[in-house]
Amino acid sequence: MREEDERREGHVEGAADIPYHELRDAPPAELRDRNARPLAVACSASTRSSLAVSLLERHGVDRVLHVADPREHGVELVKGD
């Protein structure tokens, strides 16, 4: 749930960084049409990711996992785009 400037500072490789406020009306197709694979939602402080999980579940997206800060799970962040 990173903004563009935050993505440049560090992100999970291969992640779709979508600001949580873009989930208010409906999640993008890439999140709805993922063949029911689990969807991990993270941010640096856990606040935005918690809101994002709530919004995704409200829109019917299933198998959403709130992992808070991915670094706490041993995931390294990469810098740049």
Foldseek 3Di string as FASTA:
>chain_A
DDDPVVLQVWDFPPDDDDFLVVLQVHDDPCQQPPPLDAAEFEDAAQPRSVSSVVSHVVRPRPNYHYPYHCVVVVGGIDHGD
